[in-house]
Amino acid sequence: MTKIEMEAMEAVIGIRKEMAKANEIDWEQRRYEIAKECMPTVYSIAVDVAKRKGDIMKPQYIASVAVDIADVLIEELKKKK
């Protein structure tokens, strides 16, 4: 194999690795997106509870519930079927 052929092969292998990496799921990004989507609903439920029972939840608790929901969903998504 000539030097040019070896360099071309290395370039193809590098491109293939980059393409494979681009197709991988970024679970941290997914976690953020899911938690962000859950926040309005979790907040709405917290407001309803506060109105009915007078029990006001701390914002940290509301945020942690949204993140917990995201974590549970991601755990399910990662399971192999």
Protein backbone atom coordinates (compact mmCIF):
# COMPACT_ATOMS: atom_id res chain seq x y z
CA MET A 1 0.00 0.00 0.00
CA THR A 2 1.39 3.38 -0.95
CA LYS A 3 1.70 6.28 1.44
CA ILE A 4 -1.13 8.14 -0.33
CA GLU A 5 -3.40 5.10 -0.06
CA MET A 6 -2.61 4.76 3.66
CA GLU A 7 -3.36 8.44 4.27
CA ALA A 8 -6.61 8.13 2.35
CA MET A 9 -7.58 5.07 4.39
CA GLU A 10 -6.78 6.88 7.65
CA ALA A 11 -8.92 9.81 6.50
CA VAL A 12 -11.84 7.49 5.71
CA ILE A 13 -11.50 5.79 9.10
CA GLY A 14 -11.44 9.20 10.81
CA ILE A 15 -14.55 10.33 8.93
CA ARG A 16 -16.35 7.10 9.84
CA LYS A 17 -15.51 7.58 13.53
CA GLU A 18 -16.79 11.17 13.44
CA MET A 19 -20.02 10.08 11.75
CA ALA A 20 -20.56 7.34 14.34
CA LYS A 21 -19.93 9.85 17.14
CA ALA A 22 -22.44 12.28 15.61
CA ASN A 23 -25.12 9.56 15.68
CA GLU A 24 -24.67 8.83 19.40
CA ILE A 25 -27.36 10.08 21.76
CA ASP A 26 -26.27 12.90 24.06
CA TRP A 27 -28.06 11.76 27.21
CA GLU A 28 -27.17 14.88 29.22
CA GLN A 29 -28.75 17.04 26.53
CA ARG A 30 -31.80 14.78 26.48
CA ARG A 31 -32.01 15.00 30.28
CA TYR A 32 -31.99 18.78 30.10
CA GLU A 33 -34.65 18.85 27.37
CA ILE A 34 -36.95 16.44 29.19
CA ALA A 35 -36.62 18.25 32.53
CA LYS A 36 -37.28 21.57 30.79
CA GLU A 37 -40.41 20.15 29.19
CA CYS A 38 -41.63 18.76 32.54
CA MET A 39 -41.15 21.99 34.50
CA PRO A 40 -44.39 23.77 33.49
CA THR A 41 -46.52 20.75 34.39
CA VAL A 42 -44.74 20.11 37.69
CA TYR A 43 -45.01 23.81 38.54
CA SER A 44 -48.71 23.85 37.65
CA ILE A 45 -49.37 20.87 39.91
CA ALA A 46 -47.41 22.54 42.73
CA VAL A 47 -49.52 25.69 42.35
CA ASP A 48 -52.73 23.63 42.45
CA VAL A 49 -51.57 21.88 45.63
CA ALA A 50 -50.66 25.22 47.18
CA LYS A 51 -54.11 26.62 46.38
CA ARG A 52 -55.95 23.61 47.79
CA LYS A 53 -53.82 22.80 50.82
CA GLY A 54 -51.88 26.00 51.45
CA ASP A 55 -48.67 23.96 51.22
CA ILE A 56 -46.15 25.92 49.14
CA MET A 57 -43.33 23.86 47.62
CA LYS A 58 -39.83 25.22 47.36
CA PRO A 59 -38.59 25.91 43.82
CA GLN A 60 -35.68 23.52 44.39
CA TYR A 61 -38.13 20.71 45.09
CA ILE A 62 -40.14 21.48 41.96
CA ALA A 63 -36.96 21.47 39.85
CA SER A 64 -35.75 18.22 41.43
CA VAL A 65 -39.06 16.53 40.59
CA ALA A 66 -38.69 17.55 36.93
CA VAL A 67 -35.12 16.19 36.87
CA ASP A 68 -36.22 12.96 38.57
CA ILE A 69 -38.89 12.48 35.90
CA ALA A 70 -36.26 13.02 33.20
CA ASP A 71 -33.92 10.51 34.86
CA VAL A 72 -36.64 7.85 35.06
CA LEU A 73 -37.60 8.36 31.42
CA ILE A 74 -33.97 8.17 30.26
CA GLU A 75 -33.45 5.00 32.29
CA GLU A 76 -36.42 3.43 30.48
CA LEU A 77 -35.21 4.65 27.09
CA LYS A 78 -31.76 3.15 27.65
CA LYS A 79 -33.17 -0.31 28.36
CA LYS A 80 -32.59 -2.68 25.49
CA LYS A 81 -35.75 -4.22 24.13
